C-alpha atoms as a PDB file:
ATOM      1  CA  MET A   1     -63.903 -91.659-103.145  1.00  0.00           C
ATOM      2  CA  PRO A   2     -64.465 -94.268-105.949  1.00  0.00           C
ATOM      3  CA  THR A   3     -67.504 -92.311-107.196  1.00  0.00           C
ATOM      4  CA  GLY A   4     -65.432 -89.171-107.628  1.00  0.00           C
ATOM      5  CA  ALA A   5     -67.495 -87.220-105.066  1.00  0.00           C
ATOM      6  CA  VAL A   6     -65.587 -84.783-102.828  1.00  0.00           C
ATOM      7  CA  ALA A   7     -65.751 -85.652 -99.119  1.00  0.00           C
ATOM      8  CA  GLU A   8     -66.565 -82.869 -96.699  1.00  0.00           C
ATOM      9  CA  ALA A   9     -63.600 -81.871 -94.583  1.00  0.00           C
ATOM     10  CA  ALA A  10     -63.684 -83.218 -91.023  1.00  0.00           C
ATOM     11  CA  MET A  11     -62.363 -79.822 -89.831  1.00  0.00           C
ATOM     12  CA  PRO A  12     -63.822 -77.340 -92.307  1.00  0.00           C
ATOM     13  CA  LEU A  13     -62.575 -74.158 -90.616  1.00  0.00           C
ATOM     14  CA  THR A  14     -59.082 -75.609 -90.313  1.00  0.00           C
ATOM     15  CA  ALA A  15     -59.106 -76.702 -93.955  1.00  0.00           C
ATOM     16  CA  ALA A  16     -60.173 -73.215 -95.020  1.00  0.00           C
ATOM     17  CA  GLY A  17     -57.412 -71.577 -92.962  1.00  0.00           C
ATOM     18  CA  LEU A  18     -54.799 -73.931 -94.421  1.00  0.00           C
ATOM     19  CA  LYS A  19     -56.011 -73.137 -97.937  1.00  0.00           C
ATOM     20  CA  GLN A  20     -55.926 -69.391 -97.267  1.00  0.00           C
ATOM     21  CA  GLY A  21     -52.460 -69.598 -95.759  1.00  0.00           C
ATOM     22  CA  THR A  22     -53.452 -68.311 -92.298  1.00  0.00           C
ATOM     23  CA  LEU A  23     -52.657 -71.710 -90.784  1.00  0.00           C
ATOM     24  CA  GLY A  24     -49.546 -73.824 -91.162  1.00  0.00           C
ATOM     25  CA  VAL A  25     -49.138 -77.571 -91.042  1.00  0.00           C
ATOM     26  CA  GLY A  26     -48.050 -77.341 -87.382  1.00  0.00           C
ATOM     27  CA  HIS A  27     -51.265 -75.502 -86.479  1.00  0.00           C
ATOM     28  CA  VAL A  28     -53.351 -78.146 -88.219  1.00  0.00           C
ATOM     29  CA  GLU A  29     -51.639 -80.973 -86.305  1.00  0.00           C
ATOM     30  CA  VAL A  30     -52.257 -79.234 -82.975  1.00  0.00           C
ATOM     31  CA  ILE A  31     -55.928 -78.583 -83.750  1.00  0.00           C
ATOM     32  CA  GLN A  32     -56.440 -82.165 -84.911  1.00  0.00           C
ATOM     33  CA  LYS A  33     -54.816 -83.576 -81.791  1.00  0.00           C
ATOM     34  CA  THR A  34     -56.952 -81.358 -79.551  1.00  0.00           C
ATOM     35  CA  LEU A  35     -60.188 -82.316 -81.284  1.00  0.00           C
ATOM     36  CA  ASP A  36     -59.247 -86.015 -81.263  1.00  0.00           C
ATOM     37  CA  SER A  37     -59.101 -85.846 -77.464  1.00  0.00           C
ATOM     38  CA  MET A  38     -62.702 -84.599 -77.505  1.00  0.00           C
ATOM     39  CA  ARG A  39     -64.278 -87.380 -79.527  1.00  0.00           C
ATOM     40  CA  HIS A  40     -66.701 -88.067 -76.696  1.00  0.00           C
ATOM     41  CA  LEU A  41     -68.314 -84.640 -77.192  1.00  0.00           C
ATOM     42  CA  GLU A  42     -71.224 -83.729 -79.433  1.00  0.00           C
ATOM     43  CA  GLN A  43     -70.463 -82.395 -82.902  1.00  0.00           C
ATOM     44  CA  GLU A  44     -71.576 -78.868 -81.934  1.00  0.00           C
ATOM     45  CA  GLN A  45     -69.112 -78.760 -79.057  1.00  0.00           C
ATOM     46  CA  ARG A  46     -66.278 -80.018 -81.255  1.00  0.00           C
ATOM     47  CA  ALA A  47     -67.127 -77.359 -83.873  1.00  0.00           C
ATOM     48  CA  TRP A  48     -66.968 -74.691 -81.147  1.00  0.00           C
ATOM     49  CA  ALA A  49     -63.568 -75.968 -80.042  1.00  0.00           C
ATOM     50  CA  GLU A  50     -62.290 -75.851 -83.627  1.00  0.00           C
ATOM     51  CA  GLU A  51     -63.564 -72.302 -84.030  1.00  0.00           C
ATOM     52  CA  LEU A  52     -61.707 -71.176 -80.885  1.00  0.00           C
ATOM     53  CA  MET A  53     -58.493 -72.895 -81.948  1.00  0.00           C
ATOM     54  CA  VAL A  54     -58.549 -71.501 -85.522  1.00  0.00           C
ATOM     55  CA  ALA A  55     -59.169 -67.965 -84.263  1.00  0.00           C
ATOM     56  CA  LYS A  56     -56.261 -68.221 -81.830  1.00  0.00           C
ATOM     57  CA  ALA A  57     -53.937 -69.804 -84.407  1.00  0.00           C
ATOM     58  CA  ALA A  58     -53.810 -66.551 -86.389  1.00  0.00           C
ATOM     59  CA  ASP A  59     -51.765 -64.954 -83.583  1.00  0.00           C
ATOM     60  CA  ASP A  60     -49.857 -67.910 -82.046  1.00  0.00           C
ATOM     61  CA  ASP A  61     -47.268 -70.438 -83.113  1.00  0.00           C
ATOM     62  CA  PRO A  62     -48.158 -74.146 -82.824  1.00  0.00           C
ATOM     63  CA  GLY A  63     -46.554 -74.457 -79.356  1.00  0.00           C
ATOM     64  CA  ALA A  64     -48.562 -71.574 -77.896  1.00  0.00           C
ATOM     65  CA  LEU A  65     -51.683 -72.891 -79.632  1.00  0.00           C
ATOM     66  CA  ALA A  66     -51.213 -76.302 -77.981  1.00  0.00           C
ATOM     67  CA  ARG A  67     -50.970 -74.703 -74.544  1.00  0.00           C
ATOM     68  CA  TYR A  68     -54.062 -72.605 -75.280  1.00  0.00           C
ATOM     69  CA  GLY A  69     -56.003 -75.723 -76.268  1.00  0.00           C
ATOM     70  CA  ALA A  70     -54.908 -77.650 -73.181  1.00  0.00           C
ATOM     71  CA  ARG A  71     -55.618 -74.859 -70.688  1.00  0.00           C
ATOM     72  CA  TYR A  72     -58.530 -72.850 -72.010  1.00  0.00           C
ATOM     73  CA  VAL A  73     -60.369 -74.651 -74.809  1.00  0.00           C
ATOM     74  CA  ARG A  74     -60.737 -77.823 -72.736  1.00  0.00           C
ATOM     75  CA  GLU A  75     -61.949 -75.826 -69.744  1.00  0.00           C
ATOM     76  CA  MET A  76     -64.565 -73.953 -71.783  1.00  0.00           C
ATOM     77  CA  VAL A  77     -65.758 -76.705 -74.092  1.00  0.00           C
ATOM     78  CA  ASP A  78     -65.092 -79.851 -72.017  1.00  0.00           C
ATOM     79  CA  PRO A  79     -65.058 -78.901 -68.303  1.00  0.00           C
ATOM     80  CA  ASP A  80     -66.030 -82.434 -67.183  1.00  0.00           C
ATOM     81  CA  GLY A  81     -63.162 -84.077 -69.030  1.00  0.00           C
ATOM     82  CA  THR A  82     -63.060 -87.523 -70.572  1.00  0.00           C
ATOM     83  CA  PRO A  83     -65.641 -89.832 -68.977  1.00  0.00           C
ATOM     84  CA  PRO A  84     -64.306 -92.884 -67.139  1.00  0.00           C
ATOM     85  CA  PRO A  85     -64.150 -96.129 -69.101  1.00  0.00           C
ATOM     86  CA  ASP A  86     -67.160 -98.403 -68.981  1.00  0.00           C
ATOM     87  CA  GLU A  87     -65.089-101.289 -67.688  1.00  0.00           C
ATOM     88  CA  GLU A  88     -64.736-100.040 -64.115  1.00  0.00           C
ATOM     89  CA  PRO A  89     -62.781-102.411 -61.861  1.00  0.00           C
ATOM     90  CA  GLN A  90     -65.003-104.888 -60.057  1.00  0.00           C
ATOM     91  CA  ARG A  91     -63.293-104.362 -56.703  1.00  0.00           C
ATOM     92  CA  PRO A  92     -60.683-102.020 -55.183  1.00  0.00           C
ATOM     93  CA  GLU A  93     -57.016-102.962 -55.313  1.00  0.00           C
ATOM     94  CA  ARG A  94     -56.489-104.444 -51.859  1.00  0.00           C
ATOM     95  CA  GLU A  95     -54.128-107.231 -50.856  1.00  0.00           C
ATOM     96  CA  LEU A  96     -52.898-108.674 -47.565  1.00  0.00           C
ATOM     97  CA  ARG A  97     -50.286-111.408 -47.416  1.00  0.00           C
ATOM     98  CA  ARG A  98     -49.563-112.763 -43.968  1.00  0.00           C
ATOM     99  CA  HIS A  99     -47.386-115.469 -42.486  1.00  0.00           C
ATOM    100  CA  LEU A 100     -47.904-116.910 -39.017  1.00  0.00           C
ATOM    101  CA  PHE A 101     -44.754-118.159 -37.305  1.00  0.00           C
ATOM    102  CA  ARG A 102     -44.673-121.143 -34.954  1.00  0.00           C
ATOM    103  CA  ASP A 103     -44.223-118.883 -31.938  1.00  0.00           C
ATOM    104  CA  GLY A 104     -47.463-117.027 -32.734  1.00  0.00           C
ATOM    105  CA  ARG A 105     -45.904-113.901 -34.234  1.00  0.00           C
ATOM    106  CA  MET A 106     -47.163-112.669 -37.589  1.00  0.00           C
ATOM    107  CA  GLU A 107     -45.476-110.966 -40.504  1.00  0.00           C
ATOM    108  CA  PHE A 108     -47.573-109.332 -43.204  1.00  0.00           C
ATOM    109  CA  LYS A 109     -47.347-107.197 -46.307  1.00  0.00           C
ATOM    110  CA  GLY A 110     -50.026-105.688 -48.511  1.00  0.00           C
ATOM    111  CA  ARG A 111     -51.466-102.747 -50.364  1.00  0.00           C
ATOM    112  CA  LEU A 112     -54.624-100.638 -50.146  1.00  0.00           C
ATOM    113  CA  ASP A 113     -56.534 -98.490 -52.589  1.00  0.00           C
ATOM    114  CA  ALA A 114     -56.551 -94.732 -51.964  1.00  0.00           C
ATOM    115  CA  GLU A 115     -59.854 -94.717 -50.052  1.00  0.00           C
ATOM    116  CA  ALA A 116     -58.895 -97.543 -47.692  1.00  0.00           C
ATOM    117  CA  ALA A 117     -55.399 -96.082 -47.246  1.00  0.00           C
ATOM    118  CA  ALA A 118     -56.848 -92.748 -46.141  1.00  0.00           C
ATOM    119  CA  LEU A 119     -59.113 -94.541 -43.655  1.00  0.00           C
ATOM    120  CA  PHE A 120     -56.162 -96.588 -42.354  1.00  0.00           C
ATOM    121  CA  GLU A 121     -54.040 -93.462 -41.801  1.00  0.00           C
ATOM    122  CA  ALA A 122     -56.927 -91.687 -40.072  1.00  0.00           C
ATOM    123  CA  LEU A 123     -57.414 -94.624 -37.682  1.00  0.00           C
ATOM    124  CA  LEU A 124     -53.707 -94.880 -36.848  1.00  0.00           C
ATOM    125  CA  ALA A 125     -53.096 -91.161 -36.362  1.00  0.00           C
ATOM    126  CA  PRO A 126     -54.667 -90.754 -32.881  1.00  0.00           C
ATOM    127  CA  PHE A 127     -52.576 -93.656 -31.531  1.00  0.00           C
ATOM    128  CA  ASP A 128     -49.328 -92.822 -33.341  1.00  0.00           C
ATOM    129  CA  LYS A 129     -48.414 -89.872 -31.145  1.00  0.00           C
ATOM    130  CA  ARG A 130     -44.844 -89.427 -29.972  1.00  0.00           C
ATOM    131  CA  ASP A 131     -44.147 -87.986 -26.543  1.00  0.00           C
ATOM    132  CA  SER A 132     -40.935 -86.170 -25.685  1.00  0.00           C
ATOM    133  CA  ASP A 133     -39.593 -89.187 -23.780  1.00  0.00           C
ATOM    134  CA  ASP A 134     -40.786 -91.749 -26.333  1.00  0.00           C
ATOM    135  CA  MET A 135     -37.820 -93.927 -27.357  1.00  0.00           C
ATOM    136  CA  ARG A 136     -39.758 -96.049 -29.854  1.00  0.00           C
ATOM    137  CA  SER A 137     -38.814 -96.008 -33.530  1.00  0.00           C
ATOM    138  CA  TYR A 138     -41.222 -94.925 -36.264  1.00  0.00           C
ATOM    139  CA  ALA A 139     -41.939 -98.579 -37.099  1.00  0.00           C
ATOM    140  CA  GLU A 140     -42.452 -99.503 -33.436  1.00  0.00           C
ATOM    141  CA  ARG A 141     -44.907 -96.652 -32.915  1.00  0.00           C
ATOM    142  CA  GLY A 142     -46.783 -97.766 -36.010  1.00  0.00           C
ATOM    143  CA  GLY A 143     -46.926-101.344 -34.729  1.00  0.00           C
ATOM    144  CA  ASP A 144     -48.258-100.241 -31.346  1.00  0.00           C
ATOM    145  CA  ALA A 145     -50.814 -97.973 -33.038  1.00  0.00           C
ATOM    146  CA  PHE A 146     -51.968-100.833 -35.268  1.00  0.00           C
ATOM    147  CA  ALA A 147     -52.377-103.096 -32.211  1.00  0.00           C
ATOM    148  CA  ASP A 148     -54.473-100.370 -30.551  1.00  0.00           C
ATOM    149  CA  VAL A 149     -56.705-100.141 -33.622  1.00  0.00           C
ATOM    150  CA  LEU A 150     -57.188-103.925 -33.510  1.00  0.00           C
ATOM    151  CA  GLN A 151     -58.090-103.732 -29.821  1.00  0.00           C
ATOM    152  CA  LYS A 152     -60.565-100.931 -30.545  1.00  0.00           C
ATOM    153  CA  ALA A 153     -62.166-103.051 -33.258  1.00  0.00           C
ATOM    154  CA  ALA A 154     -62.319-106.055 -30.908  1.00  0.00           C
ATOM    155  CA  ASN A 155     -64.160-103.946 -28.333  1.00  0.00           C
ATOM    156  CA  ALA A 156     -66.731-102.743 -30.862  1.00  0.00           C
ATOM    157  CA  PRO A 157     -70.249-103.901 -29.930  1.00  0.00           C
ATOM    158  CA  ASP A 158     -71.086-104.832 -33.521  1.00  0.00           C
ATOM    159  CA  LEU A 159     -67.979-106.971 -34.105  1.00  0.00           C
ATOM    160  CA  PRO A 160     -68.828-109.673 -36.681  1.00  0.00           C
ATOM    161  CA  THR A 161     -69.303-113.141 -35.221  1.00  0.00           C
ATOM    162  CA  HIS A 162     -68.526-116.683 -36.362  1.00  0.00           C
ATOM    163  CA  ASN A 163     -71.468-119.063 -36.042  1.00  0.00           C
ATOM    164  CA  GLY A 164     -73.122-116.503 -33.775  1.00  0.00           C
ATOM    165  CA  LEU A 165     -70.203-116.246 -31.329  1.00  0.00           C
ATOM    166  CA  LYS A 166     -67.132-114.093 -31.152  1.00  0.00           C
ATOM    167  CA  THR A 167     -63.880-115.915 -31.828  1.00  0.00           C
ATOM    168  CA  GLU A 168     -62.721-118.086 -28.933  1.00  0.00           C
ATOM    169  CA  VAL A 169     -59.187-119.135 -27.991  1.00  0.00           C
ATOM    170  CA  ALA A 170     -58.744-122.226 -25.806  1.00  0.00           C
ATOM    171  CA  PHE A 171     -55.695-122.848 -23.570  1.00  0.00           C
ATOM    172  CA  THR A 172     -55.296-126.557 -22.791  1.00  0.00           C
ATOM    173  CA  ILE A 173     -53.699-126.282 -19.365  1.00  0.00           C
ATOM    174  CA  SER A 174     -55.117-127.273 -16.018  1.00  0.00           C
ATOM    175  CA  LEU A 175     -56.307-124.575 -13.626  1.00  0.00           C
ATOM    176  CA  ASP A 176     -53.943-125.880 -10.940  1.00  0.00           C
ATOM    177  CA  ALA A 177     -50.949-125.677 -13.295  1.00  0.00           C
ATOM    178  CA  LEU A 178     -51.944-122.200 -14.396  1.00  0.00           C
ATOM    179  CA  GLU A 179     -52.129-121.028 -10.789  1.00  0.00           C
ATOM    180  CA  ARG A 180     -48.786-122.563  -9.796  1.00  0.00           C
ATOM    181  CA  ALA A 181     -46.724-121.959 -12.952  1.00  0.00           C
ATOM    182  CA  LEU A 182     -44.047-119.299 -13.163  1.00  0.00           C
ATOM    183  CA  GLY A 183     -44.357-116.463 -15.651  1.00  0.00           C
ATOM    184  CA  GLU A 184     -41.598-117.838 -17.889  1.00  0.00           C
ATOM    185  CA  THR A 185     -43.277-121.233 -18.337  1.00  0.00           C
ATOM    186  CA  ILE A 186     -44.187-121.679 -21.977  1.00  0.00           C
ATOM    187  CA  LEU A 187     -47.452-123.083 -23.260  1.00  0.00           C
ATOM    188  CA  PRO A 188     -47.884-124.633 -26.716  1.00  0.00           C
ATOM    189  CA  GLY A 189     -47.476-121.875 -29.287  1.00  0.00           C
ATOM    190  CA  ASN A 190     -44.846-120.045 -27.171  1.00  0.00           C
ATOM    191  CA  LEU A 191     -47.454-118.334 -25.006  1.00  0.00           C
ATOM    192  CA  SER A 192     -46.208-117.719 -21.485  1.00  0.00           C
ATOM    193  CA  VAL A 193     -48.408-118.471 -18.517  1.00  0.00           C
ATOM    194  CA  SER A 194     -48.230-114.818 -17.486  1.00  0.00           C
ATOM    195  CA  ASP A 195     -49.675-113.941 -20.893  1.00  0.00           C
ATOM    196  CA  ALA A 196     -52.432-116.504 -20.382  1.00  0.00           C
ATOM    197  CA  ARG A 197     -53.292-114.927 -17.039  1.00  0.00           C
ATOM    198  CA  ARG A 198     -53.375-111.478 -18.626  1.00  0.00           C
ATOM    199  CA  ILE A 199     -55.614-112.626 -21.487  1.00  0.00           C
ATOM    200  CA  ALA A 200     -57.912-114.363 -18.999  1.00  0.00           C
ATOM    201  CA  CYS A 201     -58.634-110.968 -17.426  1.00  0.00           C
ATOM    202  CA  ASP A 202     -60.841-109.918 -20.321  1.00  0.00           C
ATOM    203  CA  CYS A 203     -61.746-112.652 -22.774  1.00  0.00           C
ATOM    204  CA  HIS A 204     -64.316-115.225 -23.771  1.00  0.00           C
ATOM    205  CA  VAL A 205     -63.526-118.020 -21.303  1.00  0.00           C
ATOM    206  CA  LEU A 206     -64.436-121.629 -22.068  1.00  0.00           C
ATOM    207  CA  PRO A 207     -64.046-123.629 -18.823  1.00  0.00           C
ATOM    208  CA  ALA A 208     -63.008-127.263 -19.286  1.00  0.00           C
ATOM    209  CA  VAL A 209     -61.931-130.086 -16.958  1.00  0.00           C
ATOM    210  CA  MET A 210     -59.285-132.435 -18.393  1.00  0.00           C
ATOM    211  CA  GLY A 211     -58.710-136.014 -17.247  1.00  0.00           C
ATOM    212  CA  GLY A 212     -55.379-137.732 -16.666  1.00  0.00           C
ATOM    213  CA  ALA A 213     -55.242-138.931 -20.259  1.00  0.00           C
ATOM    214  CA  SER A 214     -55.870-135.392 -21.496  1.00  0.00           C
ATOM    215  CA  GLN A 215     -59.440-136.317 -22.308  1.00  0.00           C
ATOM    216  CA  PRO A 216     -62.089-133.632 -21.741  1.00  0.00           C
ATOM    217  CA  LEU A 217     -64.294-134.714 -18.829  1.00  0.00           C
ATOM    218  CA  ASP A 218     -66.560-131.671 -18.809  1.00  0.00           C
ATOM    219  CA  VAL A 219     -66.900-128.536 -20.906  1.00  0.00           C
ATOM    220  CA  ALA A 220     -69.028-125.775 -19.454  1.00  0.00           C
ATOM    221  CA  SER A 221     -70.957-123.134 -21.316  1.00  0.00           C
ATOM    222  CA  PRO A 222     -68.707-120.221 -22.330  1.00  0.00           C
ATOM    223  CA  ALA A 223     -69.074-117.087 -20.238  1.00  0.00           C
ATOM    224  CA  TYR A 224     -67.738-113.593 -20.679  1.00  0.00           C
ATOM    225  CA  VAL A 225     -65.491-112.814 -17.752  1.00  0.00           C
ATOM    226  CA  VAL A 226     -66.470-109.129 -17.995  1.00  0.00           C
ATOM    227  CA  PRO A 227     -70.103-108.827 -19.150  1.00  0.00           C
ATOM    228  CA  ALA A 228     -71.054-105.928 -21.386  1.00  0.00           C
ATOM    229  CA  HIS A 229     -73.031-104.069 -18.713  1.00  0.00           C
ATOM    230  CA  ILE A 230     -70.091-104.180 -16.288  1.00  0.00           C
ATOM    231  CA  ARG A 231     -67.679-103.006 -18.984  1.00  0.00           C
ATOM    232  CA  ARG A 232     -69.961-100.056 -19.762  1.00  0.00           C
ATOM    233  CA  ALA A 233     -69.928 -99.081 -16.083  1.00  0.00           C
ATOM    234  CA  LEU A 234     -66.143 -99.520 -16.034  1.00  0.00           C
ATOM    235  CA  VAL A 235     -65.766 -97.207 -19.042  1.00  0.00           C
ATOM    236  CA  LEU A 236     -67.949 -94.580 -17.394  1.00  0.00           C
ATOM    237  CA  ARG A 237     -65.847 -94.750 -14.234  1.00  0.00           C
ATOM    238  CA  ASP A 238     -62.276 -94.951 -15.590  1.00  0.00           C
ATOM    239  CA  ARG A 239     -62.851 -93.355 -19.048  1.00  0.00           C
ATOM    240  CA  GLY A 240     -59.506 -94.676 -20.269  1.00  0.00           C
ATOM    241  CA  CYS A 241     -56.355 -96.448 -19.139  1.00  0.00           C
ATOM    242  CA  SER A 242     -56.108 -95.878 -15.396  1.00  0.00           C
ATOM    243  CA  PHE A 243     -52.311 -96.217 -15.217  1.00  0.00           C
ATOM    244  CA  PRO A 244     -50.689 -92.925 -14.113  1.00  0.00           C
ATOM    245  CA  GLY A 245     -49.903 -90.626 -17.042  1.00  0.00           C
ATOM    246  CA  CYS A 246     -51.490 -92.806 -19.768  1.00  0.00           C
ATOM    247  CA  ASP A 247     -53.898 -91.087 -22.167  1.00  0.00           C
ATOM    248  CA  ARG A 248     -55.133 -94.192 -24.025  1.00  0.00           C
ATOM    249  CA  PRO A 249     -58.940 -94.125 -24.498  1.00  0.00           C
ATOM    250  CA  ALA A 250     -61.282 -96.749 -23.076  1.00  0.00           C
ATOM    251  CA  SER A 251     -62.007 -98.174 -26.523  1.00  0.00           C
ATOM    252  CA  VAL A 252     -58.535 -99.759 -26.719  1.00  0.00           C
ATOM    253  CA  CYS A 253     -58.320-100.893 -23.088  1.00  0.00           C
ATOM    254  CA  HIS A 254     -58.658-104.288 -21.416  1.00  0.00           C
ATOM    255  CA  ALA A 255     -60.595-104.961 -18.218  1.00  0.00           C
ATOM    256  CA  HIS A 256     -58.054-105.984 -15.579  1.00  0.00           C
ATOM    257  CA  HIS A 257     -58.969-108.009 -12.494  1.00  0.00           C
ATOM    258  CA  ILE A 258     -57.205-106.377  -9.528  1.00  0.00           C
ATOM    259  CA  GLN A 259     -57.475-109.612  -7.565  1.00  0.00           C
ATOM    260  CA  SER A 260     -56.779-112.322 -10.120  1.00  0.00           C
ATOM    261  CA  TRP A 261     -59.865-114.043 -11.507  1.00  0.00           C
ATOM    262  CA  LEU A 262     -57.918-117.289 -11.449  1.00  0.00           C
ATOM    263  CA  LYS A 263     -57.516-116.886  -7.673  1.00  0.00           C
ATOM    264  CA  GLY A 264     -61.144-116.141  -6.952  1.00  0.00           C
ATOM    265  CA  GLY A 265     -61.253-112.437  -7.724  1.00  0.00           C
ATOM    266  CA  PRO A 266     -64.862-111.450  -8.497  1.00  0.00           C
ATOM    267  CA  THR A 267     -65.901-109.981 -11.816  1.00  0.00           C
ATOM    268  CA  GLU A 268     -67.352-106.890 -10.210  1.00  0.00           C
ATOM    269  CA  LEU A 269     -66.753-103.196 -10.662  1.00  0.00           C
ATOM    270  CA  ARG A 270     -64.964-103.019  -7.296  1.00  0.00           C
ATOM    271  CA  ASN A 271     -62.360-105.497  -8.578  1.00  0.00           C
ATOM    272  CA  LEU A 272     -61.796-104.128 -12.087  1.00  0.00           C
ATOM    273  CA  THR A 273     -59.939-101.318 -13.786  1.00  0.00           C
ATOM    274  CA  LEU A 274     -59.201-100.376 -17.402  1.00  0.00           C
ATOM    275  CA  LEU A 275     -55.646-100.799 -18.693  1.00  0.00           C
ATOM    276  CA  CYS A 276     -54.214-100.373 -22.169  1.00  0.00           C
ATOM    277  CA  GLY A 277     -52.255-103.304 -23.584  1.00  0.00           C
ATOM    278  CA  GLN A 278     -48.854-101.878 -22.635  1.00  0.00           C
ATOM    279  CA  HIS A 279     -49.747-101.236 -19.008  1.00  0.00           C
ATOM    280  CA  HIS A 280     -51.768-104.443 -18.693  1.00  0.00           C
ATOM    281  CA  ARG A 281     -48.611-106.363 -19.590  1.00  0.00           C
ATOM    282  CA  LEU A 282     -46.592-104.238 -17.162  1.00  0.00           C
ATOM    283  CA  ILE A 283     -48.927-105.001 -14.247  1.00  0.00           C
ATOM    284  CA  HIS A 284     -48.793-108.742 -14.934  1.00  0.00           C
ATOM    285  CA  ARG A 285     -45.027-108.883 -15.444  1.00  0.00           C
ATOM    286  CA  SER A 286     -43.741-106.558 -12.745  1.00  0.00           C
ATOM    287  CA  GLU A 287     -44.155-105.678  -9.088  1.00  0.00           C
ATOM    288  CA  TRP A 288     -46.543-102.786  -9.632  1.00  0.00           C
ATOM    289  CA  GLU A 289     -49.623-103.068  -7.420  1.00  0.00           C
ATOM    290  CA  VAL A 290     -53.084-101.600  -7.894  1.00  0.00           C
ATOM    291  CA  GLU A 291     -55.992-101.012  -5.539  1.00  0.00           C
ATOM    292  CA  LEU A 292     -59.256 -99.065  -5.610  1.00  0.00           C
ATOM    293  CA  VAL A 293     -59.667 -96.231  -3.114  1.00  0.00           C
ATOM    294  CA  ASN A 294     -63.126 -94.624  -3.251  1.00  0.00           C
ATOM    295  CA  ASP A 295     -63.593 -96.027  -6.765  1.00  0.00           C
ATOM    296  CA  VAL A 296     -60.285 -94.510  -7.939  1.00  0.00           C
ATOM    297  CA  PRO A 297     -57.493 -96.876  -9.068  1.00  0.00           C
ATOM    298  CA  TYR A 298     -54.177 -96.173  -7.319  1.00  0.00           C
ATOM    299  CA  PHE A 299     -50.926 -97.755  -8.465  1.00  0.00           C
ATOM    300  CA  THR A 300     -48.010 -98.454  -6.124  1.00  0.00           C
ATOM    301  CA  PRO A 301     -44.658 -98.690  -7.926  1.00  0.00           C
ATOM    302  CA  PRO A 302     -41.975-101.236  -7.015  1.00  0.00           C
ATOM    303  CA  ALA A 303     -39.097-100.037  -4.835  1.00  0.00           C
ATOM    304  CA  TYR A 304     -36.687 -99.886  -7.780  1.00  0.00           C
ATOM    305  CA  VAL A 305     -38.976 -97.286  -9.396  1.00  0.00           C
ATOM    306  CA  ASP A 306     -39.789 -95.336  -6.241  1.00  0.00           C
ATOM    307  CA  PRO A 307     -38.043 -96.269  -2.970  1.00  0.00           C
ATOM    308  CA  ALA A 308     -40.843 -94.524  -1.042  1.00  0.00           C
ATOM    309  CA  ARG A 309     -43.475 -96.531  -2.959  1.00  0.00           C
ATOM    310  CA  GLU A 310     -45.935 -93.646  -3.021  1.00  0.00           C
ATOM    311  CA  PRO A 311     -49.293 -94.625  -4.619  1.00  0.00           C
ATOM    312  CA  ARG A 312     -50.119 -92.781  -7.835  1.00  0.00           C
ATOM    313  CA  ARG A 313     -53.278 -92.207  -9.864  1.00  0.00           C
ATOM    314  CA  ASN A 314     -54.107 -91.078 -13.395  1.00  0.00           C
ATOM    315  CA  ARG A 315     -55.573 -87.569 -13.532  1.00  0.00           C
ATOM    316  CA  LEU A 316     -55.650 -87.207 -17.322  1.00  0.00           C
ATOM    317  CA  HIS A 317     -59.176 -88.615 -17.714  1.00  0.00           C
ATOM    318  CA  HIS A 318     -60.667 -86.851 -14.693  1.00  0.00           C
ATOM    319  CA  SER A 319     -60.557 -83.541 -12.892  1.00  0.00           C
ATOM    320  CA  PRO A 320     -58.599 -83.786  -9.621  1.00  0.00           C
ATOM    321  CA  VAL A 321     -60.762 -84.781  -6.667  1.00  0.00           C
ATOM    322  CA  GLY A 322     -59.973 -83.605  -3.137  1.00  0.00           C
END
């Protein structure tokens, strides 16, 4: 110092050992590095760490001393480790980039923080099961599982709303055209009429009458095709997808009108059954038939599946009856 005073050594025990010859330069560097990593500790704790390191240095080379400091001194003196920085991130690292194609398909890419990623994996796992006869790829199973999670979220009673209402989708096509059109007819946005019929089974319907110049003549109040109290009764009855052999839970299922709602089928328990997305599409796009017998849905396959066309039921959600 300019005054000529002698400064006290920052590591007095280490300085004394170096002066006495019991410590080498390598030992000193290791001890200094170890103590520098503990600057967040109180002086008494740092002095204890130095004491432990100096005592051990008499018997070990610098390499062994470094391992001793990393494994034992830190555990004894600093078991909590270095505290996290004050500048914690304001929000988790989460991103989702998505692109919507003209035909309605979506492509997306993103990243999740560890907590959200664990939640995402836990939600997918129950739906990402592979059966012995499952021909889907890993990516296809993941896509189907993700769609099931979305359906489960859509069926949640506390789903967030927009302006007090759940999201609505309007199809600008006349009822007569919808009833007469073939399944391969395409609506704006590449949505087939058969898809529109399927969606109409269980959605928020907004009836509208269009004039010849495509002007809206009357728009009725929106009405849920399947009210909540009927869906609850449907869940209690079917408990899951009613298609034979399907184990999908009720939370990811749609309410299917056995007699089409567009053709006057009532929205009543006797005309409804639960179907997962895969089997709902199958029923609307194939010759499978369904009917209720004593409140049990029975499915009759087309002749190309079973020439005898024997009705089948799902026994996975219920104990056999009769």
